[in-house]
C-alpha atoms as a PDB file:
ATOM      1  CA  MET A   1     128.449 -47.624  49.178  1.00  0.00           C
ATOM      2  CA  ASN A   2     125.623 -47.304  46.646  1.00  0.00           C
ATOM      3  CA  LYS A   3     125.248 -44.516  44.096  1.00  0.00           C
ATOM      4  CA  GLU A   4     122.280 -43.522  41.995  1.00  0.00           C
ATOM      5  CA  ILE A   5     121.597 -40.614  39.670  1.00  0.00           C
ATOM      6  CA  LEU A   6     118.293 -38.950  40.468  1.00  0.00           C
ATOM      7  CA  ASN A   7     116.584 -36.832  37.842  1.00  0.00           C
ATOM      8  CA  ASP A   8     114.470 -33.708  38.303  1.00  0.00           C
ATOM      9  CA  VAL A   9     114.884 -33.470  42.054  1.00  0.00           C
ATOM     10  CA  PRO A  10     112.801 -30.624  43.521  1.00  0.00           C
ATOM     11  CA  ILE A  11     115.322 -27.976  44.510  1.00  0.00           C
ATOM     12  CA  ASN A  12     113.723 -27.428  47.912  1.00  0.00           C
ATOM     13  CA  GLN A  13     114.415 -31.073  48.817  1.00  0.00           C
ATOM     14  CA  LEU A  14     118.177 -30.483  48.646  1.00  0.00           C
ATOM     15  CA  VAL A  15     119.617 -29.432  51.995  1.00  0.00           C
ATOM     16  CA  PRO A  16     122.896 -27.490  52.190  1.00  0.00           C
ATOM     17  CA  TYR A  17     125.352 -28.824  54.775  1.00  0.00           C
ATOM     18  CA  GLU A  18     125.218 -26.356  57.657  1.00  0.00           C
ATOM     19  CA  ASN A  19     128.962 -26.447  58.282  1.00  0.00           C
ATOM     20  CA  ASN A  20     130.059 -25.911  54.679  1.00  0.00           C
ATOM     21  CA  TYR A  21     133.311 -23.983  55.104  1.00  0.00           C
ATOM     22  CA  LEU A  22     133.646 -22.424  51.636  1.00  0.00           C
ATOM     23  CA  ASP A  23     132.201 -18.979  50.971  1.00  0.00           C
ATOM     24  CA  HIS A  24     131.104 -18.741  47.331  1.00  0.00           C
ATOM     25  CA  LYS A  25     130.301 -15.026  47.186  1.00  0.00           C
ATOM     26  CA  ASP A  26     133.180 -14.402  44.758  1.00  0.00           C
ATOM     27  CA  ASN A  27     132.642 -17.327  42.400  1.00  0.00           C
ATOM     28  CA  ILE A  28     128.882 -17.892  42.313  1.00  0.00           C
ATOM     29  CA  ILE A  29     128.554 -15.414  39.443  1.00  0.00           C
ATOM     30  CA  HIS A  30     130.939 -17.562  37.382  1.00  0.00           C
ATOM     31  CA  VAL A  31     128.883 -20.699  38.009  1.00  0.00           C
ATOM     32  CA  LYS A  32     125.672 -18.854  37.140  1.00  0.00           C
ATOM     33  CA  ASN A  33     127.203 -17.522  33.919  1.00  0.00           C
ATOM     34  CA  SER A  34     128.332 -21.002  32.922  1.00  0.00           C
ATOM     35  CA  ILE A  35     124.901 -22.513  33.561  1.00  0.00           C
ATOM     36  CA  LYS A  36     123.175 -19.660  31.696  1.00  0.00           C
ATOM     37  CA  ASP A  37     125.473 -19.898  28.679  1.00  0.00           C
ATOM     38  CA  PHE A  38     126.088 -23.650  28.432  1.00  0.00           C
ATOM     39  CA  GLY A  39     123.261 -25.212  30.436  1.00  0.00           C
ATOM     40  CA  TYR A  40     123.361 -27.538  33.419  1.00  0.00           C
ATOM     41  CA  ASN A  41     125.236 -30.422  31.813  1.00  0.00           C
ATOM     42  CA  LYS A  42     126.949 -32.408  34.552  1.00  0.00           C
ATOM     43  CA  VAL A  43     126.203 -34.002  37.884  1.00  0.00           C
ATOM     44  CA  SER A  44     127.431 -31.132  40.030  1.00  0.00           C
ATOM     45  CA  ILE A  45     125.448 -31.910  43.166  1.00  0.00           C
ATOM     46  CA  GLY A  46     125.889 -34.948  45.374  1.00  0.00           C
ATOM     47  CA  ILE A  47     123.705 -35.779  48.380  1.00  0.00           C
ATOM     48  CA  ASP A  48     123.468 -38.382  51.103  1.00  0.00           C
ATOM     49  CA  GLU A  49     120.407 -40.503  51.963  1.00  0.00           C
ATOM     50  CA  LYS A  50     118.778 -37.570  53.775  1.00  0.00           C
ATOM     51  CA  GLY A  51     119.152 -35.144  50.868  1.00  0.00           C
ATOM     52  CA  GLU A  52     121.990 -33.247  52.583  1.00  0.00           C
ATOM     53  CA  LEU A  53     124.702 -32.002  50.254  1.00  0.00           C
ATOM     54  CA  LEU A  54     128.039 -33.774  50.080  1.00  0.00           C
ATOM     55  CA  TYR A  55     129.189 -31.437  47.313  1.00  0.00           C
ATOM     56  CA  GLY A  56     127.731 -28.760  45.050  1.00  0.00           C
ATOM     57  CA  HIS A  57     126.829 -25.927  47.423  1.00  0.00           C
ATOM     58  CA  CYS A  58     127.765 -23.195  44.960  1.00  0.00           C
ATOM     59  CA  THR A  59     125.914 -24.939  42.131  1.00  0.00           C
ATOM     60  CA  LEU A  60     122.795 -25.322  44.247  1.00  0.00           C
ATOM     61  CA  GLN A  61     122.841 -21.641  45.179  1.00  0.00           C
ATOM     62  CA  ALA A  62     123.388 -20.668  41.524  1.00  0.00           C
ATOM     63  CA  LEU A  63     120.437 -22.812  40.427  1.00  0.00           C
ATOM     64  CA  LYS A  64     118.246 -21.218  43.090  1.00  0.00           C
ATOM     65  CA  GLU A  65     119.250 -17.732  41.928  1.00  0.00           C
ATOM     66  CA  LEU A  66     118.474 -18.786  38.347  1.00  0.00           C
ATOM     67  CA  ASP A  67     114.976 -19.832  39.496  1.00  0.00           C
ATOM     68  CA  TYR A  68     115.353 -23.553  38.827  1.00  0.00           C
ATOM     69  CA  GLU A  69     112.540 -25.510  40.441  1.00  0.00           C
ATOM     70  CA  ASN A  70     114.110 -28.923  39.790  1.00  0.00           C
ATOM     71  CA  VAL A  71     117.707 -30.064  39.481  1.00  0.00           C
ATOM     72  CA  PRO A  72     118.099 -32.226  36.350  1.00  0.00           C
ATOM     73  CA  MET A  73     120.738 -34.589  37.777  1.00  0.00           C
ATOM     74  CA  VAL A  74     121.733 -35.286  41.361  1.00  0.00           C
ATOM     75  CA  LEU A  75     124.003 -38.080  42.569  1.00  0.00           C
ATOM     76  CA  GLU A  76     122.707 -39.807  45.677  1.00  0.00           C
ATOM     77  CA  ILE A  77     125.478 -41.534  47.634  1.00  0.00           C
ATOM     78  CA  LYS A  78     124.416 -44.011  50.301  1.00  0.00           C
ATOM     79  CA  GLY A  79     126.406 -45.891  52.915  1.00  0.00           C
ATOM     80  CA  LEU A  80     129.007 -43.356  54.058  1.00  0.00           C
ATOM     81  CA  THR A  81     129.576 -42.900  57.774  1.00  0.00           C
ATOM     82  CA  GLU A  82     129.291 -39.385  59.220  1.00  0.00           C
ATOM     83  CA  GLU A  83     133.082 -39.237  59.435  1.00  0.00           C
ATOM     84  CA  GLN A  84     133.426 -40.267  55.785  1.00  0.00           C
ATOM     85  CA  LYS A  85     130.904 -37.629  54.736  1.00  0.00           C
ATOM     86  CA  LYS A  86     132.879 -34.893  56.493  1.00  0.00           C
ATOM     87  CA  ALA A  87     136.150 -36.148  55.002  1.00  0.00           C
ATOM     88  CA  PHE A  88     134.606 -36.452  51.537  1.00  0.00           C
ATOM     89  CA  ARG A  89     133.328 -32.848  51.605  1.00  0.00           C
ATOM     90  CA  ILE A  90     136.793 -31.555  52.450  1.00  0.00           C
ATOM     91  CA  ALA A  91     138.537 -33.846  49.950  1.00  0.00           C
ATOM     92  CA  ASP A  92     136.173 -32.799  47.161  1.00  0.00           C
ATOM     93  CA  ASN A  93     136.807 -29.111  47.841  1.00  0.00           C
ATOM     94  CA  GLU A  94     140.544 -29.270  48.330  1.00  0.00           C
ATOM     95  CA  SER A  95     141.597 -31.730  45.620  1.00  0.00           C
ATOM     96  CA  ALA A  96     140.260 -29.450  42.878  1.00  0.00           C
ATOM     97  CA  ARG A  97     141.779 -26.305  44.375  1.00  0.00           C
ATOM     98  CA  LYS A  98     145.294 -27.766  44.306  1.00  0.00           C
ATOM     99  CA  ALA A  99     145.321 -28.152  40.519  1.00  0.00           C
ATOM    100  CA  GLU A 100     147.910 -26.074  38.689  1.00  0.00           C
ATOM    101  CA  ILE A 101     147.352 -24.578  35.267  1.00  0.00           C
ATOM    102  CA  ILE A 102     149.700 -25.734  32.511  1.00  0.00           C
ATOM    103  CA  MET A 103     150.051 -22.388  30.755  1.00  0.00           C
ATOM    104  CA  GLU A 104     151.305 -23.814  27.447  1.00  0.00           C
ATOM    105  CA  LYS A 105     148.169 -25.949  27.066  1.00  0.00           C
ATOM    106  CA  LEU A 106     145.897 -23.130  28.173  1.00  0.00           C
ATOM    107  CA  ASP A 107     147.588 -20.858  25.627  1.00  0.00           C
ATOM    108  CA  ILE A 108     146.695 -23.325  22.856  1.00  0.00           C
ATOM    109  CA  GLU A 109     143.053 -23.434  23.940  1.00  0.00           C
ATOM    110  CA  MET A 110     142.804 -19.660  24.305  1.00  0.00           C
ATOM    111  CA  GLN A 111     143.971 -19.105  20.721  1.00  0.00           C
ATOM    112  CA  TYR A 112     140.629 -20.471  19.503  1.00  0.00           C
ATOM    113  CA  ILE A 113     138.376 -18.669  21.997  1.00  0.00           C
ATOM    114  CA  ASN A 114     137.144 -15.110  21.597  1.00  0.00           C
ATOM    115  CA  ILE A 115     134.740 -15.401  24.533  1.00  0.00           C
ATOM    116  CA  ASP A 116     135.672 -13.391  27.624  1.00  0.00           C
ATOM    117  CA  MET A 117     136.585 -16.221  30.001  1.00  0.00           C
ATOM    118  CA  LYS A 118     136.713 -13.919  33.029  1.00  0.00           C
ATOM    119  CA  GLN A 119     132.948 -14.305  33.271  1.00  0.00           C
ATOM    120  CA  TYR A 120     133.556 -17.970  34.125  1.00  0.00           C
ATOM    121  CA  GLY A 121     136.351 -17.290  36.605  1.00  0.00           C
ATOM    122  CA  LEU A 122     139.478 -17.533  34.423  1.00  0.00           C
ATOM    123  CA  ASP A 123     141.290 -14.332  35.278  1.00  0.00           C
ATOM    124  CA  ILE A 124     144.581 -14.855  33.488  1.00  0.00           C
ATOM    125  CA  MET A 125     146.027 -12.545  30.888  1.00  0.00           C
ATOM    126  CA  LYS A 126     145.769 -13.800  27.338  1.00  0.00           C
ATOM    127  CA  PRO A 127     149.296 -14.792  26.340  1.00  0.00           C
ATOM    128  CA  LEU A 128     151.423 -12.232  24.566  1.00  0.00           C
ATOM    129  CA  ASP A 129     152.733 -13.215  21.153  1.00  0.00           C
ATOM    130  CA  LEU A 130     155.941 -11.253  21.490  1.00  0.00           C
ATOM    131  CA  ASP A 131     157.100 -11.787  17.917  1.00  0.00           C
ATOM    132  CA  SER A 132     153.898 -10.575  16.270  1.00  0.00           C
ATOM    133  CA  GLN A 133     153.524  -7.682  18.694  1.00  0.00           C
ATOM    134  CA  ALA A 134     157.109  -6.449  18.350  1.00  0.00           C
ATOM    135  CA  GLU A 135     156.171  -3.988  15.614  1.00  0.00           C
ATOM    136  CA  ASP A 136     153.441  -2.485  17.822  1.00  0.00           C
ATOM    137  CA  PHE A 137     156.061  -1.581  20.397  1.00  0.00           C
ATOM    138  CA  SER A 138     158.732  -0.305  18.013  1.00  0.00           C
ATOM    139  CA  ASP A 139     157.871   3.398  18.449  1.00  0.00           C
ATOM    140  CA  LEU A 140     157.728   3.043  22.207  1.00  0.00           C
ATOM    141  CA  ALA A 141     161.020   1.134  22.238  1.00  0.00           C
ATOM    142  CA  LYS A 142     162.710   3.783  20.065  1.00  0.00           C
ATOM    143  CA  GLU A 143     161.465   6.553  22.354  1.00  0.00           C
ATOM    144  CA  PHE A 144     162.768   4.684  25.408  1.00  0.00           C
ATOM    145  CA  THR A 145     166.146   3.977  23.775  1.00  0.00           C
ATOM    146  CA  ASP A 146     166.552   7.616  22.694  1.00  0.00           C
ATOM    147  CA  LYS A 147     165.865   8.771  26.236  1.00  0.00           C
ATOM    148  CA  HIS A 148     167.678   6.099  28.285  1.00  0.00           C
ATOM    149  CA  GLY A 149     170.091   4.389  25.910  1.00  0.00           C
ATOM    150  CA  ASP A 150     169.940   0.827  24.621  1.00  0.00           C
ATOM    151  CA  PRO A 151     168.749  -1.407  27.477  1.00  0.00           C
ATOM    152  CA  ALA A 152     170.595  -4.367  25.949  1.00  0.00           C
ATOM    153  CA  LEU A 153     173.861  -2.550  26.631  1.00  0.00           C
ATOM    154  CA  LYS A 154     173.015  -1.799  30.239  1.00  0.00           C
ATOM    155  CA  GLU A 155     174.105  -4.041  33.065  1.00  0.00           C
ATOM    156  CA  LYS A 156     170.800  -3.591  34.875  1.00  0.00           C
ATOM    157  CA  PHE A 157     167.416  -2.885  33.420  1.00  0.00           C
ATOM    158  CA  TRP A 158     164.428  -2.392  35.714  1.00  0.00           C
ATOM    159  CA  MET A 159     160.897  -3.103  34.710  1.00  0.00           C
ATOM    160  CA  PHE A 160     157.642  -2.526  36.575  1.00  0.00           C
ATOM    161  CA  ILE A 161     154.828  -4.889  35.731  1.00  0.00           C
ATOM    162  CA  GLU A 162     151.544  -5.795  37.352  1.00  0.00           C
ATOM    163  CA  LEU A 163     150.873  -9.515  37.655  1.00  0.00           C
ATOM    164  CA  GLN A 164     147.922 -11.327  39.176  1.00  0.00           C
ATOM    165  CA  ASP A 165     149.821 -14.026  41.037  1.00  0.00           C
ATOM    166  CA  ASN A 166     152.869 -16.272  41.105  1.00  0.00           C
ATOM    167  CA  GLN A 167     151.556 -18.327  38.198  1.00  0.00           C
ATOM    168  CA  GLU A 168     151.492 -15.264  35.959  1.00  0.00           C
ATOM    169  CA  PHE A 169     155.010 -14.449  37.116  1.00  0.00           C
ATOM    170  CA  GLU A 170     156.247 -17.900  36.090  1.00  0.00           C
ATOM    171  CA  TYR A 171     154.589 -17.491  32.690  1.00  0.00           C
ATOM    172  CA  PHE A 172     156.068 -14.013  32.274  1.00  0.00           C
ATOM    173  CA  LYS A 173     159.496 -15.218  33.392  1.00  0.00           C
ATOM    174  CA  GLU A 174     159.534 -18.034  30.850  1.00  0.00           C
ATOM    175  CA  LYS A 175     158.247 -16.020  27.871  1.00  0.00           C
ATOM    176  CA  ILE A 176     160.241 -12.830  28.460  1.00  0.00           C
ATOM    177  CA  GLY A 177     163.328 -14.691  29.617  1.00  0.00           C
ATOM    178  CA  LYS A 178     163.400 -16.768  26.423  1.00  0.00           C
ATOM    179  CA  SER A 179     162.895 -13.796  24.127  1.00  0.00           C
ATOM    180  CA  THR A 180     165.536 -11.614  25.772  1.00  0.00           C
ATOM    181  CA  GLY A 181     168.060 -14.289  26.682  1.00  0.00           C
ATOM    182  CA  ARG A 182     168.120 -12.916  30.233  1.00  0.00           C
ATOM    183  CA  GLU A 183     167.380 -14.664  33.475  1.00  0.00           C
ATOM    184  CA  ILE A 184     164.575 -12.911  35.328  1.00  0.00           C
ATOM    185  CA  ASP A 185     165.177 -12.820  39.057  1.00  0.00           C
ATOM    186  CA  LYS A 186     162.013 -12.675  41.129  1.00  0.00           C
ATOM    187  CA  GLU A 187     163.829 -10.920  43.955  1.00  0.00           C
ATOM    188  CA  LYS A 188     164.824  -8.081  41.635  1.00  0.00           C
ATOM    189  CA  LEU A 189     161.594  -7.823  39.696  1.00  0.00           C
ATOM    190  CA  LEU A 190     159.201  -5.429  41.365  1.00  0.00           C
ATOM    191  CA  LEU A 191     155.762  -6.980  41.399  1.00  0.00           C
ATOM    192  CA  CYS A 192     152.483  -5.387  42.242  1.00  0.00           C
ATOM    193  CA  ILE A 193     150.258  -8.362  42.943  1.00  0.00           C
ATOM    194  CA  LYS A 194     146.544  -7.658  43.019  1.00  0.00           C
END
């Protein structure tokens, strides 16, 4: 297998694979935003000897919508069999999608970013700093306690919260569980998952 980086490839010479099984209608805007804001800075498109895409369908479409005439960097991969090409396309798509976010490390990064990361596809709540925000909730907590009694003295305390997915639940469970000293049971927590 031989590989070569090609520079300034005319965009109309790049051929999407006709059986690409991923639909990028929901994430192409994120790729376009990233290219607009940070530039095209990595080899995001790979082709075979015929110019047919092995990976980078969403990037190619984003570049077309951004009126690129040439793609600055394209990786040409030669020597794969047709079976290997099909397997490589699937492996490239699926290996990235199985990654799991380590919330503690993301929290550290997000502390230094004031940019709205949803425009690039990160749709996770910014972490709550429960200690610093406790004062903000003191009036609400007092009103709740006056009306319903001290929740710490109750055997059961129900809470309704909207979470995006299971990952947000795990984050919520860890942070709230630690601060309250209570185990949060997923079966008993009512979730409204978008």
